[in-house]
């Protein structure tokens, strides 16, 4: 772990979250949000390179060392956004910036569009809005989600005989990452269990989203953003081919070489993203 990183726990009224804190105490306040099934170590290479920022990188609920939500609760975008506002309140931050990757970028956009008066700057990595859904598929998707939720208690998490096997599984996940990135995520994500190691993340995170917004609803958050915003698009990531979406964005974006986890996969990628965001945060 990089020197100067502080580990904290945030006891919110409804849940306890873990976080890394980077940067000087008097730096510009930033809350960093990682991607789906990742954790705060997603920013362990990037955050130390960002200048003049006080970065609180959360383990989002159900991820890393943070608590899982109680039974009967869920992991909707609304719930993540509520968590962030509770964190800001506990930190005494009336206004703050957001740094988000993947799911964390989507949550950041939703929050910046919902409470634009609270957000100073928006730094996004390879995601903007949640995938849309057409009306005819809504009932079918809802039914599928109900069935999978009912079946979840009978399923068991994968157990890997050793730490290295768990790392290899993360390397080959739905979004592949480098070995170094997988090892960093495993530091906070893998835990010892009888028979080996398993990932800490809440199994409910793998359930399908029951209801999705339409594209028009999702883009309404983008249109309401009032602060400076900048998006890094990974050339081999998830957004590079969505030229129509990128052309509609009312804020700046730039392409950088690398995959979806370009800020974590290697030091070179982290340096490129840091250079981009240092310019963005330093701009008037």
C-alpha atoms as a PDB file:
ATOM      1  CA  UNK A   1       0.000   0.000   0.000  1.00  0.00           C
ATOM      2  CA  UNK A   2       1.241   3.488  -0.751  1.00  0.00           C
ATOM      3  CA  UNK A   3       2.789   5.555   2.024  1.00  0.00           C
ATOM      4  CA  UNK A   4       0.533   8.111   3.635  1.00  0.00           C
ATOM      5  CA  UNK A   5      -2.702   6.164   3.206  1.00  0.00           C
ATOM      6  CA  UNK A   6      -5.009   6.262   6.217  1.00  0.00           C
ATOM      7  CA  UNK A   7      -7.591   3.563   6.892  1.00  0.00           C
ATOM      8  CA  UNK A   8     -10.850   4.765   8.465  1.00  0.00           C
ATOM      9  CA  UNK A   9     -14.306   3.456   9.258  1.00  0.00           C
ATOM     10  CA  UNK A  10     -17.423   5.583   8.887  1.00  0.00           C
ATOM     11  CA  UNK A  11     -20.345   4.692  11.163  1.00  0.00           C
ATOM     12  CA  UNK A  12     -23.362   6.008   9.281  1.00  0.00           C
ATOM     13  CA  UNK A  13     -26.868   5.858  10.790  1.00  0.00           C
ATOM     14  CA  UNK A  14     -27.728   2.832   8.648  1.00  0.00           C
ATOM     15  CA  UNK A  15     -24.413   1.092   7.847  1.00  0.00           C
ATOM     16  CA  UNK A  16     -20.673   1.109   8.560  1.00  0.00           C
ATOM     17  CA  UNK A  17     -18.336   1.736   5.625  1.00  0.00           C
ATOM     18  CA  UNK A  18     -14.563   1.353   5.324  1.00  0.00           C
ATOM     19  CA  UNK A  19     -12.400   3.800   3.408  1.00  0.00           C
ATOM     20  CA  UNK A  20      -8.870   4.825   2.472  1.00  0.00           C
ATOM     21  CA  UNK A  21      -7.927   8.486   2.886  1.00  0.00           C
ATOM     22  CA  UNK A  22      -5.253  10.043   0.655  1.00  0.00           C
ATOM     23  CA  UNK A  23      -3.753  13.505   0.484  1.00  0.00           C
ATOM     24  CA  UNK A  24      -3.354  16.567   2.723  1.00  0.00           C
ATOM     25  CA  UNK A  25      -5.962  17.406   5.346  1.00  0.00           C
ATOM     26  CA  UNK A  26      -6.499  20.822   3.739  1.00  0.00           C
ATOM     27  CA  UNK A  27      -6.833  19.441   0.204  1.00  0.00           C
ATOM     28  CA  UNK A  28      -9.893  19.804  -2.027  1.00  0.00           C
ATOM     29  CA  UNK A  29     -12.489  17.328  -0.668  1.00  0.00           C
ATOM     30  CA  UNK A  30     -13.138  14.361  -2.975  1.00  0.00           C
ATOM     31  CA  UNK A  31     -15.111  11.156  -2.476  1.00  0.00           C
ATOM     32  CA  UNK A  32     -13.916   8.311  -4.721  1.00  0.00           C
ATOM     33  CA  UNK A  33     -16.264   5.505  -5.783  1.00  0.00           C
ATOM     34  CA  UNK A  34     -15.027   2.239  -7.288  1.00  0.00           C
ATOM     35  CA  UNK A  35     -16.630  -0.150  -9.748  1.00  0.00           C
ATOM     36  CA  UNK A  36     -18.926  -3.138  -9.331  1.00  0.00           C
ATOM     37  CA  UNK A  37     -17.333  -5.929  -7.229  1.00  0.00           C
ATOM     38  CA  UNK A  38     -14.157  -3.851  -6.769  1.00  0.00           C
ATOM     39  CA  UNK A  39     -13.142  -1.953  -3.630  1.00  0.00           C
ATOM     40  CA  UNK A  40     -11.216   1.104  -2.405  1.00  0.00           C
ATOM     41  CA  UNK A  41      -7.928  -0.376  -3.643  1.00  0.00           C
ATOM     42  CA  UNK A  42      -9.172   0.514  -7.122  1.00  0.00           C
ATOM     43  CA  UNK A  43      -7.646   3.953  -6.455  1.00  0.00           C
ATOM     44  CA  UNK A  44      -4.463   2.912  -4.657  1.00  0.00           C
ATOM     45  CA  UNK A  45      -2.326   3.639  -7.729  1.00  0.00           C
ATOM     46  CA  UNK A  46      -4.172   6.733  -8.927  1.00  0.00           C
ATOM     47  CA  UNK A  47      -4.980   8.662  -5.747  1.00  0.00           C
ATOM     48  CA  UNK A  48      -1.388   9.236  -4.549  1.00  0.00           C
ATOM     49  CA  UNK A  49      -0.645  10.861  -7.927  1.00  0.00           C
ATOM     50  CA  UNK A  50      -3.478  13.388  -7.676  1.00  0.00           C
ATOM     51  CA  UNK A  51      -2.273  16.746  -6.393  1.00  0.00           C
ATOM     52  CA  UNK A  52      -3.892  18.906  -3.723  1.00  0.00           C
ATOM     53  CA  UNK A  53      -6.838  16.593  -3.094  1.00  0.00           C
ATOM     54  CA  UNK A  54      -8.175  15.080   0.118  1.00  0.00           C
ATOM     55  CA  UNK A  55      -9.554  11.815  -1.254  1.00  0.00           C
ATOM     56  CA  UNK A  56     -11.816   9.514   0.737  1.00  0.00           C
ATOM     57  CA  UNK A  57     -11.963   6.303  -1.306  1.00  0.00           C
ATOM     58  CA  UNK A  58     -14.885   4.241  -0.053  1.00  0.00           C
ATOM     59  CA  UNK A  59     -15.458   0.542   0.020  1.00  0.00           C
ATOM     60  CA  UNK A  60     -19.031   0.902  -1.186  1.00  0.00           C
ATOM     61  CA  UNK A  61     -21.689  -1.009   0.755  1.00  0.00           C
ATOM     62  CA  UNK A  62     -21.394  -4.757   0.220  1.00  0.00           C
ATOM     63  CA  UNK A  63     -17.821  -4.440  -1.098  1.00  0.00           C
ATOM     64  CA  UNK A  64     -14.379  -4.773   0.446  1.00  0.00           C
ATOM     65  CA  UNK A  65     -14.263  -4.202   4.204  1.00  0.00           C
ATOM     66  CA  UNK A  66     -17.603  -2.360   4.385  1.00  0.00           C
ATOM     67  CA  UNK A  67     -20.717  -3.903   5.872  1.00  0.00           C
ATOM     68  CA  UNK A  68     -23.320  -5.642   3.747  1.00  0.00           C
ATOM     69  CA  UNK A  69     -26.778  -4.135   3.668  1.00  0.00           C
ATOM     70  CA  UNK A  70     -29.350  -5.764   5.995  1.00  0.00           C
ATOM     71  CA  UNK A  71     -31.583  -8.485   4.612  1.00  0.00           C
ATOM     72  CA  UNK A  72     -34.520  -6.956   2.797  1.00  0.00           C
ATOM     73  CA  UNK A  73     -32.421  -4.015   1.598  1.00  0.00           C
ATOM     74  CA  UNK A  74     -30.831  -3.713  -1.811  1.00  0.00           C
ATOM     75  CA  UNK A  75     -28.055  -2.061  -3.797  1.00  0.00           C
ATOM     76  CA  UNK A  76     -29.880   0.404  -6.021  1.00  0.00           C
ATOM     77  CA  UNK A  77     -28.225   3.560  -7.357  1.00  0.00           C
ATOM     78  CA  UNK A  78     -30.400   5.584  -4.994  1.00  0.00           C
ATOM     79  CA  UNK A  79     -28.991   3.702  -1.997  1.00  0.00           C
ATOM     80  CA  UNK A  80     -25.373   4.283  -3.038  1.00  0.00           C
ATOM     81  CA  UNK A  81     -26.084   7.985  -3.604  1.00  0.00           C
ATOM     82  CA  UNK A  82     -27.667   8.208  -0.148  1.00  0.00           C
ATOM     83  CA  UNK A  83     -24.566   6.567   1.366  1.00  0.00           C
ATOM     84  CA  UNK A  84     -22.311   9.191  -0.239  1.00  0.00           C
ATOM     85  CA  UNK A  85     -24.372  12.079   1.141  1.00  0.00           C
ATOM     86  CA  UNK A  86     -24.278  10.496   4.590  1.00  0.00           C
ATOM     87  CA  UNK A  87     -20.484  10.172   4.325  1.00  0.00           C
ATOM     88  CA  UNK A  88     -20.174  13.823   3.275  1.00  0.00           C
ATOM     89  CA  UNK A  89     -22.349  14.866   6.214  1.00  0.00           C
ATOM     90  CA  UNK A  90     -20.185  12.914   8.650  1.00  0.00           C
ATOM     91  CA  UNK A  91     -17.037  14.475   7.174  1.00  0.00           C
ATOM     92  CA  UNK A  92     -18.560  17.957   7.394  1.00  0.00           C
ATOM     93  CA  UNK A  93     -18.332  18.483   3.622  1.00  0.00           C
ATOM     94  CA  UNK A  94     -21.189  20.646   2.343  1.00  0.00           C
ATOM     95  CA  UNK A  95     -19.626  20.750  -1.122  1.00  0.00           C
ATOM     96  CA  UNK A  96     -17.234  18.172  -2.520  1.00  0.00           C
ATOM     97  CA  UNK A  97     -16.017  16.589  -5.736  1.00  0.00           C
ATOM     98  CA  UNK A  98     -16.537  13.044  -6.980  1.00  0.00           C
ATOM     99  CA  UNK A  99     -14.068  10.656  -8.600  1.00  0.00           C
ATOM    100  CA  UNK A 100     -15.802   7.586  -9.995  1.00  0.00           C
ATOM    101  CA  UNK A 101     -14.910   4.483 -11.989  1.00  0.00           C
ATOM    102  CA  UNK A 102     -17.486   2.248 -13.723  1.00  0.00           C
ATOM    103  CA  UNK A 103     -20.412   1.765 -11.286  1.00  0.00           C
ATOM    104  CA  UNK A 104     -18.839   4.487  -9.157  1.00  0.00           C
ATOM    105  CA  UNK A 105     -18.889   6.853 -12.133  1.00  0.00           C
ATOM    106  CA  UNK A 106     -22.580   6.111 -12.717  1.00  0.00           C
ATOM    107  CA  UNK A 107     -23.392   6.760  -9.051  1.00  0.00           C
ATOM    108  CA  UNK A 108     -21.389   9.988  -9.297  1.00  0.00           C
ATOM    109  CA  UNK A 109     -23.413  11.183 -12.297  1.00  0.00           C
ATOM    110  CA  UNK A 110     -26.702  10.285 -10.605  1.00  0.00           C
ATOM    111  CA  UNK A 111     -25.670  12.190  -7.485  1.00  0.00           C
ATOM    112  CA  UNK A 112     -24.311  15.221  -9.367  1.00  0.00           C
ATOM    113  CA  UNK A 113     -27.557  15.429 -11.341  1.00  0.00           C
ATOM    114  CA  UNK A 114     -29.754  14.959  -8.277  1.00  0.00           C
ATOM    115  CA  UNK A 115     -28.070  17.487  -5.958  1.00  0.00           C
ATOM    116  CA  UNK A 116     -26.035  19.687  -8.334  1.00  0.00           C
ATOM    117  CA  UNK A 117     -25.559  22.354  -5.662  1.00  0.00           C
ATOM    118  CA  UNK A 118     -23.465  19.908  -3.583  1.00  0.00           C
ATOM    119  CA  UNK A 119     -20.921  18.794  -6.209  1.00  0.00           C
ATOM    120  CA  UNK A 120     -17.914  20.939  -7.164  1.00  0.00           C
ATOM    121  CA  UNK A 121     -16.239  18.772  -9.831  1.00  0.00           C
ATOM    122  CA  UNK A 122     -16.902  15.430 -11.442  1.00  0.00           C
ATOM    123  CA  UNK A 123     -14.050  13.154 -12.595  1.00  0.00           C
ATOM    124  CA  UNK A 124     -15.259   9.992 -14.340  1.00  0.00           C
ATOM    125  CA  UNK A 125     -13.464   6.869 -15.607  1.00  0.00           C
ATOM    126  CA  UNK A 126     -15.033   4.804 -18.404  1.00  0.00           C
ATOM    127  CA  UNK A 127     -18.728   5.104 -17.476  1.00  0.00           C
ATOM    128  CA  UNK A 128     -21.467   7.737 -17.443  1.00  0.00           C
ATOM    129  CA  UNK A 129     -25.022   6.429 -17.190  1.00  0.00           C
ATOM    130  CA  UNK A 130     -26.579   3.044 -16.365  1.00  0.00           C
ATOM    131  CA  UNK A 131     -27.596   0.791 -19.250  1.00  0.00           C
ATOM    132  CA  UNK A 132     -31.103   1.642 -20.424  1.00  0.00           C
ATOM    133  CA  UNK A 133     -34.084  -0.636 -20.804  1.00  0.00           C
ATOM    134  CA  UNK A 134     -37.009  -0.658 -23.208  1.00  0.00           C
ATOM    135  CA  UNK A 135     -40.545  -0.762 -21.831  1.00  0.00           C
ATOM    136  CA  UNK A 136     -41.503  -4.149 -23.373  1.00  0.00           C
ATOM    137  CA  UNK A 137     -38.706  -5.922 -21.456  1.00  0.00           C
ATOM    138  CA  UNK A 138     -39.542  -4.416 -18.062  1.00  0.00           C
ATOM    139  CA  UNK A 139     -41.974  -7.089 -16.807  1.00  0.00           C
ATOM    140  CA  UNK A 140     -39.783  -9.967 -18.011  1.00  0.00           C
ATOM    141  CA  UNK A 141     -36.693  -8.493 -16.359  1.00  0.00           C
ATOM    142  CA  UNK A 142     -38.591  -7.876 -13.120  1.00  0.00           C
ATOM    143  CA  UNK A 143     -39.757 -11.499 -13.036  1.00  0.00           C
ATOM    144  CA  UNK A 144     -36.245 -12.800 -13.683  1.00  0.00           C
ATOM    145  CA  UNK A 145     -34.901 -10.685 -10.821  1.00  0.00           C
ATOM    146  CA  UNK A 146     -37.551 -12.033  -8.449  1.00  0.00           C
ATOM    147  CA  UNK A 147     -36.755 -15.639  -9.365  1.00  0.00           C
ATOM    148  CA  UNK A 148     -33.017 -15.173  -8.933  1.00  0.00           C
ATOM    149  CA  UNK A 149     -33.465 -13.463  -5.587  1.00  0.00           C
ATOM    150  CA  UNK A 150     -35.604 -16.382  -4.355  1.00  0.00           C
ATOM    151  CA  UNK A 151     -32.948 -18.850  -5.532  1.00  0.00           C
ATOM    152  CA  UNK A 152     -29.999 -17.016  -3.980  1.00  0.00           C
ATOM    153  CA  UNK A 153     -30.070 -18.681  -0.505  1.00  0.00           C
ATOM    154  CA  UNK A 154     -29.470 -22.091  -2.109  1.00  0.00           C
ATOM    155  CA  UNK A 155     -26.331 -20.896  -3.887  1.00  0.00           C
ATOM    156  CA  UNK A 156     -22.873 -20.984  -2.327  1.00  0.00           C
ATOM    157  CA  UNK A 157     -19.960 -18.687  -2.971  1.00  0.00           C
ATOM    158  CA  UNK A 158     -16.912 -20.050  -4.741  1.00  0.00           C
ATOM    159  CA  UNK A 159     -14.109 -21.140  -2.399  1.00  0.00           C
ATOM    160  CA  UNK A 160     -10.555 -21.106  -3.767  1.00  0.00           C
ATOM    161  CA  UNK A 161      -7.963 -23.454  -2.253  1.00  0.00           C
ATOM    162  CA  UNK A 162      -5.454 -20.640  -1.855  1.00  0.00           C
ATOM    163  CA  UNK A 163      -5.115 -16.865  -2.207  1.00  0.00           C
ATOM    164  CA  UNK A 164      -3.465 -17.140  -5.627  1.00  0.00           C
ATOM    165  CA  UNK A 165      -6.431 -19.039  -7.100  1.00  0.00           C
ATOM    166  CA  UNK A 166      -8.737 -16.281  -5.902  1.00  0.00           C
ATOM    167  CA  UNK A 167      -6.530 -13.710  -7.603  1.00  0.00           C
ATOM    168  CA  UNK A 168      -6.576 -15.716 -10.843  1.00  0.00           C
ATOM    169  CA  UNK A 169     -10.374 -15.882 -10.721  1.00  0.00           C
ATOM    170  CA  UNK A 170     -10.554 -12.079 -10.460  1.00  0.00           C
ATOM    171  CA  UNK A 171      -8.165 -11.708 -13.388  1.00  0.00           C
ATOM    172  CA  UNK A 172     -10.644 -13.659 -15.541  1.00  0.00           C
ATOM    173  CA  UNK A 173     -13.798 -11.996 -14.212  1.00  0.00           C
ATOM    174  CA  UNK A 174     -16.562 -10.405 -16.263  1.00  0.00           C
ATOM    175  CA  UNK A 175     -14.192  -7.464 -16.723  1.00  0.00           C
ATOM    176  CA  UNK A 176     -10.661  -8.863 -16.907  1.00  0.00           C
ATOM    177  CA  UNK A 177      -7.860  -7.086 -15.044  1.00  0.00           C
ATOM    178  CA  UNK A 178      -4.091  -7.467 -14.857  1.00  0.00           C
ATOM    179  CA  UNK A 179      -2.526  -9.739 -12.246  1.00  0.00           C
ATOM    180  CA  UNK A 180      -1.239  -6.699 -10.350  1.00  0.00           C
ATOM    181  CA  UNK A 181      -4.703  -5.144 -10.299  1.00  0.00           C
ATOM    182  CA  UNK A 182      -6.302  -8.397  -9.152  1.00  0.00           C
ATOM    183  CA  UNK A 183      -3.749  -8.723  -6.347  1.00  0.00           C
ATOM    184  CA  UNK A 184      -4.483  -5.175  -5.157  1.00  0.00           C
ATOM    185  CA  UNK A 185      -8.249  -5.789  -5.183  1.00  0.00           C
ATOM    186  CA  UNK A 186      -7.728  -9.127  -3.407  1.00  0.00           C
ATOM    187  CA  UNK A 187      -5.963  -7.414  -0.504  1.00  0.00           C
ATOM    188  CA  UNK A 188      -9.328  -5.987   0.570  1.00  0.00           C
ATOM    189  CA  UNK A 189     -11.605  -8.415  -1.211  1.00  0.00           C
ATOM    190  CA  UNK A 190     -10.499 -11.954  -0.347  1.00  0.00           C
ATOM    191  CA  UNK A 191     -11.074 -13.456   3.086  1.00  0.00           C
ATOM    192  CA  UNK A 192     -10.097 -16.810   4.638  1.00  0.00           C
ATOM    193  CA  UNK A 193     -12.945 -19.314   4.953  1.00  0.00           C
ATOM    194  CA  UNK A 194     -13.050 -23.046   5.714  1.00  0.00           C
ATOM    195  CA  UNK A 195     -11.316 -24.734   2.798  1.00  0.00           C
ATOM    196  CA  UNK A 196      -9.492 -21.684   1.447  1.00  0.00           C
ATOM    197  CA  UNK A 197     -10.481 -18.173   0.416  1.00  0.00           C
ATOM    198  CA  UNK A 198     -13.636 -16.473  -0.822  1.00  0.00           C
ATOM    199  CA  UNK A 199     -14.502 -12.951  -1.966  1.00  0.00           C
ATOM    200  CA  UNK A 200     -16.076 -10.757   0.722  1.00  0.00           C
ATOM    201  CA  UNK A 201     -18.569  -9.006  -1.571  1.00  0.00           C
ATOM    202  CA  UNK A 202     -22.269  -9.521  -0.895  1.00  0.00           C
ATOM    203  CA  UNK A 203     -23.733 -12.213  -3.149  1.00  0.00           C
ATOM    204  CA  UNK A 204     -26.772  -9.988  -3.720  1.00  0.00           C
ATOM    205  CA  UNK A 205     -24.553  -7.721  -5.836  1.00  0.00           C
ATOM    206  CA  UNK A 206     -24.656 -10.354  -8.579  1.00  0.00           C
ATOM    207  CA  UNK A 207     -28.463 -10.292  -8.829  1.00  0.00           C
ATOM    208  CA  UNK A 208     -29.970  -8.614 -11.914  1.00  0.00           C
ATOM    209  CA  UNK A 209     -31.327  -5.097 -11.500  1.00  0.00           C
ATOM    210  CA  UNK A 210     -35.145  -5.433 -11.270  1.00  0.00           C
ATOM    211  CA  UNK A 211     -35.921  -2.064 -12.853  1.00  0.00           C
ATOM    212  CA  UNK A 212     -33.797  -0.046 -15.233  1.00  0.00           C
ATOM    213  CA  UNK A 213     -34.272   3.529 -16.322  1.00  0.00           C
ATOM    214  CA  UNK A 214     -35.047   4.390 -19.898  1.00  0.00           C
ATOM    215  CA  UNK A 215     -32.242   6.107 -21.804  1.00  0.00           C
ATOM    216  CA  UNK A 216     -34.151   9.373 -21.528  1.00  0.00           C
ATOM    217  CA  UNK A 217     -34.465   9.035 -17.750  1.00  0.00           C
ATOM    218  CA  UNK A 218     -30.791   8.158 -17.365  1.00  0.00           C
ATOM    219  CA  UNK A 219     -29.633  11.082 -19.490  1.00  0.00           C
ATOM    220  CA  UNK A 220     -31.740  13.507 -17.443  1.00  0.00           C
ATOM    221  CA  UNK A 221     -29.101  13.244 -14.699  1.00  0.00           C
ATOM    222  CA  UNK A 222     -26.351  14.204 -17.155  1.00  0.00           C
ATOM    223  CA  UNK A 223     -28.326  17.218 -18.345  1.00  0.00           C
ATOM    224  CA  UNK A 224     -28.765  18.529 -14.799  1.00  0.00           C
ATOM    225  CA  UNK A 225     -25.062  18.468 -13.874  1.00  0.00           C
ATOM    226  CA  UNK A 226     -23.997  22.026 -13.058  1.00  0.00           C
ATOM    227  CA  UNK A 227     -20.306  21.565 -12.186  1.00  0.00           C
ATOM    228  CA  UNK A 228     -17.224  21.083 -14.390  1.00  0.00           C
ATOM    229  CA  UNK A 229     -17.022  17.427 -15.424  1.00  0.00           C
ATOM    230  CA  UNK A 230     -14.454  15.385 -17.321  1.00  0.00           C
ATOM    231  CA  UNK A 231     -14.613  11.785 -18.546  1.00  0.00           C
ATOM    232  CA  UNK A 232     -11.689   9.483 -19.308  1.00  0.00           C
ATOM    233  CA  UNK A 233     -12.622   6.950 -21.997  1.00  0.00           C
ATOM    234  CA  UNK A 234     -10.492   3.794 -22.130  1.00  0.00           C
ATOM    235  CA  UNK A 235      -9.693   2.921 -25.746  1.00  0.00           C
ATOM    236  CA  UNK A 236     -10.224  -0.780 -24.969  1.00  0.00           C
ATOM    237  CA  UNK A 237     -12.927  -0.196 -22.373  1.00  0.00           C
ATOM    238  CA  UNK A 238     -16.712  -0.087 -22.278  1.00  0.00           C
ATOM    239  CA  UNK A 239     -17.430   3.349 -23.731  1.00  0.00           C
ATOM    240  CA  UNK A 240     -15.066   3.623 -26.690  1.00  0.00           C
ATOM    241  CA  UNK A 241     -17.629   2.339 -29.216  1.00  0.00           C
ATOM    242  CA  UNK A 242     -20.510   4.433 -27.846  1.00  0.00           C
ATOM    243  CA  UNK A 243     -19.721   7.433 -29.997  1.00  0.00           C
ATOM    244  CA  UNK A 244     -23.378   8.519 -30.048  1.00  0.00           C
ATOM    245  CA  UNK A 245     -23.489   8.795 -26.264  1.00  0.00           C
ATOM    246  CA  UNK A 246     -20.126  10.544 -26.105  1.00  0.00           C
ATOM    247  CA  UNK A 247     -21.192  13.115 -28.690  1.00  0.00           C
ATOM    248  CA  UNK A 248     -24.230  14.039 -26.549  1.00  0.00           C
ATOM    249  CA  UNK A 249     -22.294  14.730 -23.365  1.00  0.00           C
ATOM    250  CA  UNK A 250     -22.391  18.376 -22.263  1.00  0.00           C
ATOM    251  CA  UNK A 251     -18.910  18.056 -20.738  1.00  0.00           C
ATOM    252  CA  UNK A 252     -15.405  17.184 -21.886  1.00  0.00           C
ATOM    253  CA  UNK A 253     -13.933  13.754 -22.440  1.00  0.00           C
ATOM    254  CA  UNK A 254     -10.689  12.298 -23.709  1.00  0.00           C
ATOM    255  CA  UNK A 255      -9.480   8.865 -24.773  1.00  0.00           C
ATOM    256  CA  UNK A 256      -6.532   7.157 -23.142  1.00  0.00           C
ATOM    257  CA  UNK A 257      -4.893   3.832 -24.035  1.00  0.00           C
ATOM    258  CA  UNK A 258      -5.854   0.839 -21.915  1.00  0.00           C
ATOM    259  CA  UNK A 259      -8.760  -1.264 -20.751  1.00  0.00           C
ATOM    260  CA  UNK A 260     -11.674  -0.573 -18.422  1.00  0.00           C
ATOM    261  CA  UNK A 261      -9.355  -0.589 -15.362  1.00  0.00           C
ATOM    262  CA  UNK A 262      -6.658   1.530 -17.013  1.00  0.00           C
ATOM    263  CA  UNK A 263      -6.123   3.500 -13.771  1.00  0.00           C
ATOM    264  CA  UNK A 264      -5.321   0.289 -11.854  1.00  0.00           C
ATOM    265  CA  UNK A 265      -3.925  -2.267 -14.304  1.00  0.00           C
ATOM    266  CA  UNK A 266      -0.422  -0.779 -14.359  1.00  0.00           C
ATOM    267  CA  UNK A 267       1.618   2.219 -13.232  1.00  0.00           C
ATOM    268  CA  UNK A 268       1.753   3.719 -16.725  1.00  0.00           C
ATOM    269  CA  UNK A 269      -2.035   3.808 -16.999  1.00  0.00           C
ATOM    270  CA  UNK A 270      -2.382   5.316 -13.537  1.00  0.00           C
ATOM    271  CA  UNK A 271       0.120   8.033 -14.490  1.00  0.00           C
ATOM    272  CA  UNK A 272      -1.813   8.908 -17.664  1.00  0.00           C
ATOM    273  CA  UNK A 273      -5.131   9.177 -15.829  1.00  0.00           C
ATOM    274  CA  UNK A 274      -3.509  11.198 -13.044  1.00  0.00           C
ATOM    275  CA  UNK A 275      -2.012  13.658 -15.545  1.00  0.00           C
ATOM    276  CA  UNK A 276      -5.442  14.115 -17.100  1.00  0.00           C
ATOM    277  CA  UNK A 277      -7.235  14.698 -13.793  1.00  0.00           C
ATOM    278  CA  UNK A 278      -4.504  16.909 -12.337  1.00  0.00           C
ATOM    279  CA  UNK A 279      -5.068  19.269 -15.250  1.00  0.00           C
ATOM    280  CA  UNK A 280      -8.820  19.067 -14.742  1.00  0.00           C
ATOM    281  CA  UNK A 281      -8.746  19.812 -11.006  1.00  0.00           C
ATOM    282  CA  UNK A 282      -6.182  22.614 -11.463  1.00  0.00           C
ATOM    283  CA  UNK A 283      -8.267  24.408 -14.112  1.00  0.00           C
ATOM    284  CA  UNK A 284     -10.126  27.544 -12.970  1.00  0.00           C
END
